[in-house]
Amino acid sequence: MGKVRRGGYILFWWIGDHSPRHIHVQTAKGRKLGRVNVDTLEGLENWTPPKNLVDIIMALKREGRL
């Protein structure tokens, strides 16, 4: 399992999890927000991630963390 805390969010994922490749998102206090497709940066289950969260995910991808 991978886990990153950044920008007031907790992002986590499981290696070898089912497709599509995605991360789970919670607030820093542990409230579940939703899941985001890592490749398309779109929310799953009709959830739209906020712009600042998408920016964080893009930065993590550039850093090679995702």
PDB file of N, CA and C in Angstrom:
ATOM      1  N   MET A   1       0.854  -1.181   0.000  1.00  0.00           N
ATOM      2  CA  MET A   1       0.000   0.000   0.000  1.00  0.00           C
ATOM      3  C   MET A   1       0.887   1.227   0.000  1.00  0.00           C
ATOM      4  N   GLY A   2       0.513   2.180  -0.824  1.00  0.00           N
ATOM      5  CA  GLY A   2       1.187   3.467  -0.830  1.00  0.00           C
ATOM      6  C   GLY A   2       0.306   4.501  -0.160  1.00  0.00           C
ATOM      7  N   LYS A   3       0.941   5.484   0.457  1.00  0.00           N
ATOM      8  CA  LYS A   3       0.169   6.519   1.155  1.00  0.00           C
ATOM      9  C   LYS A   3       0.964   7.816   1.148  1.00  0.00           C
ATOM     10  N   VAL A   4       0.263   8.923   0.828  1.00  0.00           N
ATOM     11  CA  VAL A   4       0.881  10.240   0.812  1.00  0.00           C
ATOM     12  C   VAL A   4      -0.075  11.219   1.473  1.00  0.00           C
ATOM     13  N   ARG A   5       0.468  12.094   2.307  1.00  0.00           N
ATOM     14  CA  ARG A   5      -0.303  13.205   2.884  1.00  0.00           C
ATOM     15  C   ARG A   5       0.207  14.487   2.241  1.00  0.00           C
ATOM     16  N   ARG A   6      -0.707  15.217   1.635  1.00  0.00           N
ATOM     17  CA  ARG A   6      -0.306  16.464   0.987  1.00  0.00           C
ATOM     18  C   ARG A   6      -1.517  17.352   0.790  1.00  0.00           C
ATOM     19  N   GLY A   7      -1.342  18.645   1.072  1.00  0.00           N
ATOM     20  CA  GLY A   7      -2.375  19.634   0.794  1.00  0.00           C
ATOM     21  C   GLY A   7      -3.691  19.409   1.513  1.00  0.00           C
ATOM     22  N   GLY A   8      -3.650  18.811   2.693  1.00  0.00           N
ATOM     23  CA  GLY A   8      -4.884  18.561   3.430  1.00  0.00           C
ATOM     24  C   GLY A   8      -5.607  17.288   3.029  1.00  0.00           C
ATOM     25  N   TYR A   9      -4.955  16.478   2.204  1.00  0.00           N
ATOM     26  CA  TYR A   9      -5.543  15.219   1.755  1.00  0.00           C
ATOM     27  C   TYR A   9      -4.648  14.050   2.152  1.00  0.00           C
ATOM     28  N   ILE A  10      -5.254  12.892   2.273  1.00  0.00           N
ATOM     29  CA  ILE A  10      -4.535  11.630   2.401  1.00  0.00           C
ATOM     30  C   ILE A  10      -4.876  10.832   1.150  1.00  0.00           C
ATOM     31  N   LEU A  11      -3.861  10.467   0.396  1.00  0.00           N
ATOM     32  CA  LEU A  11      -4.030   9.709  -0.839  1.00  0.00           C
ATOM     33  C   LEU A  11      -3.423   8.334  -0.610  1.00  0.00           C
ATOM     34  N   PHE A  12      -4.156   7.286  -0.938  1.00  0.00           N
ATOM     35  CA  PHE A  12      -3.600   5.954  -0.769  1.00  0.00           C
ATOM     36  C   PHE A  12      -4.065   5.023  -1.869  1.00  0.00           C
ATOM     37  N   TRP A  13      -3.252   3.962  -2.077  1.00  0.00           N
ATOM     38  CA  TRP A  13      -3.519   3.018  -3.141  1.00  0.00           C
ATOM     39  C   TRP A  13      -2.904   1.680  -2.774  1.00  0.00           C
ATOM     40  N   TRP A  14      -3.372   0.637  -3.440  1.00  0.00           N
ATOM     41  CA  TRP A  14      -2.853  -0.706  -3.235  1.00  0.00           C
ATOM     42  C   TRP A  14      -2.165  -1.165  -4.506  1.00  0.00           C
ATOM     43  N   ILE A  15      -0.980  -1.720  -4.357  1.00  0.00           N
ATOM     44  CA  ILE A  15      -0.255  -2.279  -5.486  1.00  0.00           C
ATOM     45  C   ILE A  15      -1.036  -3.501  -5.989  1.00  0.00           C
ATOM     46  N   GLY A  16      -1.260  -3.560  -7.298  1.00  0.00           N
ATOM     47  CA  GLY A  16      -1.979  -4.690  -7.878  1.00  0.00           C
ATOM     48  C   GLY A  16      -3.486  -4.618  -7.709  1.00  0.00           C
ATOM     49  N   ASP A  17      -4.016  -3.449  -7.304  1.00  0.00           N
ATOM     50  CA  ASP A  17      -5.461  -3.285  -7.149  1.00  0.00           C
ATOM     51  C   ASP A  17      -6.130  -3.400  -8.519  1.00  0.00           C
ATOM     52  N   HIS A  18      -7.433  -3.532  -8.529  1.00  0.00           N
ATOM     53  CA  HIS A  18      -8.196  -3.704  -9.772  1.00  0.00           C
ATOM     54  C   HIS A  18      -8.110  -2.462 -10.658  1.00  0.00           C
ATOM     55  N   SER A  19      -8.411  -2.655 -11.934  1.00  0.00           N
ATOM     56  CA  SER A  19      -8.443  -1.547 -12.901  1.00  0.00           C
ATOM     57  C   SER A  19      -9.731  -0.756 -12.739  1.00  0.00           C
ATOM     58  N   PRO A  20      -9.756   0.513 -13.128  1.00  0.00           N
ATOM     59  CA  PRO A  20      -8.638   1.309 -13.605  1.00  0.00           C
ATOM     60  C   PRO A  20      -7.698   1.681 -12.456  1.00  0.00           C
ATOM     61  N   ARG A  21      -6.453   2.027 -12.819  1.00  0.00           N
ATOM     62  CA  ARG A  21      -5.471   2.432 -11.817  1.00  0.00           C
ATOM     63  C   ARG A  21      -6.003   3.679 -11.128  1.00  0.00           C
ATOM     64  N   HIS A  22      -6.145   3.641  -9.815  1.00  0.00           N
ATOM     65  CA  HIS A  22      -6.808   4.729  -9.101  1.00  0.00           C
ATOM     66  C   HIS A  22      -6.209   4.926  -7.712  1.00  0.00           C
ATOM     67  N   ILE A  23      -6.535   6.077  -7.118  1.00  0.00           N
ATOM     68  CA  ILE A  23      -6.156   6.349  -5.738  1.00  0.00           C
ATOM     69  C   ILE A  23      -7.411   6.683  -4.951  1.00  0.00           C
ATOM     70  N   HIS A  24      -7.382   6.365  -3.685  1.00  0.00           N
ATOM     71  CA  HIS A  24      -8.464   6.702  -2.763  1.00  0.00           C
ATOM     72  C   HIS A  24      -8.087   8.011  -2.081  1.00  0.00           C
ATOM     73  N   VAL A  25      -9.070   8.866  -1.835  1.00  0.00           N
ATOM     74  CA  VAL A  25      -8.797  10.184  -1.263  1.00  0.00           C
ATOM     75  C   VAL A  25      -9.629  10.387  -0.007  1.00  0.00           C
ATOM     76  N   GLN A  26      -8.947  10.874   1.028  1.00  0.00           N
ATOM     77  CA  GLN A  26      -9.612  11.259   2.279  1.00  0.00           C
ATOM     78  C   GLN A  26      -9.138  12.645   2.663  1.00  0.00           C
ATOM     79  N   THR A  27      -9.909  13.297   3.521  1.00  0.00           N
ATOM     80  CA  THR A  27      -9.444  14.552   4.094  1.00  0.00           C
ATOM     81  C   THR A  27      -8.356  14.229   5.112  1.00  0.00           C
ATOM     82  N   ALA A  28      -7.635  15.229   5.555  1.00  0.00           N
ATOM     83  CA  ALA A  28      -6.589  15.023   6.560  1.00  0.00           C
ATOM     84  C   ALA A  28      -7.170  14.473   7.862  1.00  0.00           C
ATOM     85  N   LYS A  29      -8.464  14.674   8.083  1.00  0.00           N
ATOM     86  CA  LYS A  29      -9.123  14.163   9.288  1.00  0.00           C
ATOM     87  C   LYS A  29      -9.718  12.773   9.082  1.00  0.00           C
ATOM     88  N   GLY A  30      -9.547  12.205   7.880  1.00  0.00           N
ATOM     89  CA  GLY A  30      -9.971  10.836   7.630  1.00  0.00           C
ATOM     90  C   GLY A  30     -11.336  10.657   6.990  1.00  0.00           C
ATOM     91  N   ARG A  31     -11.993  11.746   6.584  1.00  0.00           N
ATOM     92  CA  ARG A  31     -13.297  11.615   5.928  1.00  0.00           C
ATOM     93  C   ARG A  31     -13.104  11.197   4.475  1.00  0.00           C
ATOM     94  N   LYS A  32     -13.759  10.113   4.068  1.00  0.00           N
ATOM     95  CA  LYS A  32     -13.639   9.618   2.703  1.00  0.00           C
ATOM     96  C   LYS A  32     -14.276  10.591   1.726  1.00  0.00           C
ATOM     97  N   LEU A  33     -13.525  10.887   0.640  1.00  0.00           N
ATOM     98  CA  LEU A  33     -14.043  11.781  -0.393  1.00  0.00           C
ATOM     99  C   LEU A  33     -14.381  11.044  -1.677  1.00  0.00           C
ATOM    100  N   GLY A  34     -13.512  10.140  -2.118  1.00  0.00           N
ATOM    101  CA  GLY A  34     -13.776   9.413  -3.354  1.00  0.00           C
ATOM    102  C   GLY A  34     -12.513   8.807  -3.908  1.00  0.00           C
ATOM    103  N   ARG A  35     -12.598   8.384  -5.186  1.00  0.00           N
ATOM    104  CA  ARG A  35     -11.461   7.791  -5.871  1.00  0.00           C
ATOM    105  C   ARG A  35     -11.203   8.558  -7.160  1.00  0.00           C
ATOM    106  N   VAL A  36      -9.931   8.582  -7.565  1.00  0.00           N
ATOM    107  CA  VAL A  36      -9.527   9.294  -8.778  1.00  0.00           C
ATOM    108  C   VAL A  36      -8.738   8.349  -9.666  1.00  0.00           C
ATOM    109  N   ASN A  37      -9.111   8.301 -10.947  1.00  0.00           N
ATOM    110  CA  ASN A  37      -8.370   7.540 -11.946  1.00  0.00           C
ATOM    111  C   ASN A  37      -7.020   8.246 -12.142  1.00  0.00           C
ATOM    112  N   VAL A  38      -5.917   7.535 -11.922  1.00  0.00           N
ATOM    113  CA  VAL A  38      -4.586   8.142 -12.000  1.00  0.00           C
ATOM    114  C   VAL A  38      -4.237   8.554 -13.423  1.00  0.00           C
ATOM    115  N   ASP A  39      -4.688   7.807 -14.411  1.00  0.00           N
ATOM    116  CA  ASP A  39      -4.329   8.091 -15.797  1.00  0.00           C
ATOM    117  C   ASP A  39      -5.122   9.251 -16.393  1.00  0.00           C
ATOM    118  N   THR A  40      -6.419   9.330 -16.108  1.00  0.00           N
ATOM    119  CA  THR A  40      -7.262  10.374 -16.703  1.00  0.00           C
ATOM    120  C   THR A  40      -7.503  11.552 -15.760  1.00  0.00           C
ATOM    121  N   LEU A  41      -7.184  11.380 -14.468  1.00  0.00           N
ATOM    122  CA  LEU A  41      -7.400  12.388 -13.421  1.00  0.00           C
ATOM    123  C   LEU A  41      -8.878  12.711 -13.219  1.00  0.00           C
ATOM    124  N   GLU A  42      -9.743  11.788 -13.582  1.00  0.00           N
ATOM    125  CA  GLU A  42     -11.179  11.961 -13.391  1.00  0.00           C
ATOM    126  C   GLU A  42     -11.624  11.214 -12.141  1.00  0.00           C
ATOM    127  N   GLY A  43     -12.618  11.779 -11.468  1.00  0.00           N
ATOM    128  CA  GLY A  43     -13.188  11.111 -10.315  1.00  0.00           C
ATOM    129  C   GLY A  43     -14.012   9.914 -10.741  1.00  0.00           C
ATOM    130  N   LEU A  44     -14.100   8.924  -9.871  1.00  0.00           N
ATOM    131  CA  LEU A  44     -14.919   7.740 -10.131  1.00  0.00           C
ATOM    132  C   LEU A  44     -16.214   7.842  -9.333  1.00  0.00           C
ATOM    133  N   GLU A  45     -17.216   7.092  -9.736  1.00  0.00           N
ATOM    134  CA  GLU A  45     -18.533   7.080  -9.080  1.00  0.00           C
ATOM    135  C   GLU A  45     -19.176   8.467  -9.027  1.00  0.00           C
ATOM    136  N   ASN A  46     -19.110   9.190 -10.135  1.00  0.00           N
ATOM    137  CA  ASN A  46     -19.751  10.514 -10.252  1.00  0.00           C
ATOM    138  C   ASN A  46     -19.235  11.522  -9.244  1.00  0.00           C
ATOM    139  N   TRP A  47     -17.979  11.414  -8.864  1.00  0.00           N
ATOM    140  CA  TRP A  47     -17.354  12.380  -7.962  1.00  0.00           C
ATOM    141  C   TRP A  47     -16.369  13.210  -8.763  1.00  0.00           C
ATOM    142  N   THR A  48     -16.410  14.514  -8.613  1.00  0.00           N
ATOM    143  CA  THR A  48     -15.481  15.397  -9.303  1.00  0.00           C
ATOM    144  C   THR A  48     -14.453  15.909  -8.300  1.00  0.00           C
ATOM    145  N   PRO A  49     -13.184  15.531  -8.476  1.00  0.00           N
ATOM    146  CA  PRO A  49     -12.163  16.000  -7.539  1.00  0.00           C
ATOM    147  C   PRO A  49     -11.902  17.491  -7.718  1.00  0.00           C
ATOM    148  N   PRO A  50     -11.641  18.214  -6.626  1.00  0.00           N
ATOM    149  CA  PRO A  50     -11.341  19.638  -6.736  1.00  0.00           C
ATOM    150  C   PRO A  50     -10.023  19.875  -7.489  1.00  0.00           C
ATOM    151  N   LYS A  51      -9.909  21.038  -8.086  1.00  0.00           N
ATOM    152  CA  LYS A  51      -8.739  21.397  -8.905  1.00  0.00           C
ATOM    153  C   LYS A  51      -7.440  21.257  -8.125  1.00  0.00           C
ATOM    154  N   ASN A  52      -7.425  21.688  -6.853  1.00  0.00           N
ATOM    155  CA  ASN A  52      -6.178  21.603  -6.095  1.00  0.00           C
ATOM    156  C   ASN A  52      -5.753  20.144  -5.879  1.00  0.00           C
ATOM    157  N   LEU A  53      -6.694  19.240  -5.773  1.00  0.00           N
ATOM    158  CA  LEU A  53      -6.372  17.823  -5.641  1.00  0.00           C
ATOM    159  C   LEU A  53      -5.795  17.287  -6.947  1.00  0.00           C
ATOM    160  N   VAL A  54      -6.370  17.665  -8.059  1.00  0.00           N
ATOM    161  CA  VAL A  54      -5.836  17.244  -9.368  1.00  0.00           C
ATOM    162  C   VAL A  54      -4.407  17.758  -9.528  1.00  0.00           C
ATOM    163  N   ASP A  55      -4.150  18.988  -9.102  1.00  0.00           N
ATOM    164  CA  ASP A  55      -2.795  19.544  -9.172  1.00  0.00           C
ATOM    165  C   ASP A  55      -1.822  18.729  -8.318  1.00  0.00           C
ATOM    166  N   ILE A  56      -2.256  18.298  -7.145  1.00  0.00           N
ATOM    167  CA  ILE A  56      -1.422  17.475  -6.263  1.00  0.00           C
ATOM    168  C   ILE A  56      -1.106  16.143  -6.926  1.00  0.00           C
ATOM    169  N   ILE A  57      -2.110  15.517  -7.525  1.00  0.00           N
ATOM    170  CA  ILE A  57      -1.910  14.234  -8.191  1.00  0.00           C
ATOM    171  C   ILE A  57      -0.954  14.383  -9.368  1.00  0.00           C
ATOM    172  N   MET A  58      -1.096  15.463 -10.139  1.00  0.00           N
ATOM    173  CA  MET A  58      -0.193  15.708 -11.263  1.00  0.00           C
ATOM    174  C   MET A  58       1.243  15.877 -10.767  1.00  0.00           C
ATOM    175  N   ALA A  59       1.429  16.590  -9.655  1.00  0.00           N
ATOM    176  CA  ALA A  59       2.766  16.777  -9.089  1.00  0.00           C
ATOM    177  C   ALA A  59       3.350  15.440  -8.633  1.00  0.00           C
ATOM    178  N   LEU A  60       2.541  14.602  -8.008  1.00  0.00           N
ATOM    179  CA  LEU A  60       3.015  13.290  -7.568  1.00  0.00           C
ATOM    180  C   LEU A  60       3.408  12.423  -8.754  1.00  0.00           C
ATOM    181  N   LYS A  61       2.681  12.523  -9.856  1.00  0.00           N
ATOM    182  CA  LYS A  61       3.027  11.774 -11.058  1.00  0.00           C
ATOM    183  C   LYS A  61       4.364  12.267 -11.616  1.00  0.00           C
ATOM    184  N   ARG A  62       4.573  13.598 -11.652  1.00  0.00           N
ATOM    185  CA  ARG A  62       5.831  14.147 -12.136  1.00  0.00           C
ATOM    186  C   ARG A  62       7.008  13.705 -11.268  1.00  0.00           C
ATOM    187  N   GLU A  63       6.762  13.593  -9.969  1.00  0.00           N
ATOM    188  CA  GLU A  63       7.805  13.173  -9.025  1.00  0.00           C
ATOM    189  C   GLU A  63       8.053  11.665  -9.073  1.00  0.00           C
ATOM    190  N   GLY A  64       7.216  10.933  -9.820  1.00  0.00           N
ATOM    191  CA  GLY A  64       7.367   9.493  -9.900  1.00  0.00           C
ATOM    192  C   GLY A  64       6.808   8.740  -8.702  1.00  0.00           C
ATOM    193  N   ARG A  65       5.980   9.418  -7.926  1.00  0.00           N
ATOM    194  CA  ARG A  65       5.390   8.784  -6.731  1.00  0.00           C
ATOM    195  C   ARG A  65       4.163   7.959  -7.079  1.00  0.00           C
ATOM    196  N   LEU A  66       3.519   8.254  -8.218  1.00  0.00           N
ATOM    197  CA  LEU A  66       2.325   7.497  -8.650  1.00  0.00           C
ATOM    198  C   LEU A  66       2.587   6.859  -9.991  1.00  0.00           C
TER     199      LEU A  66
END
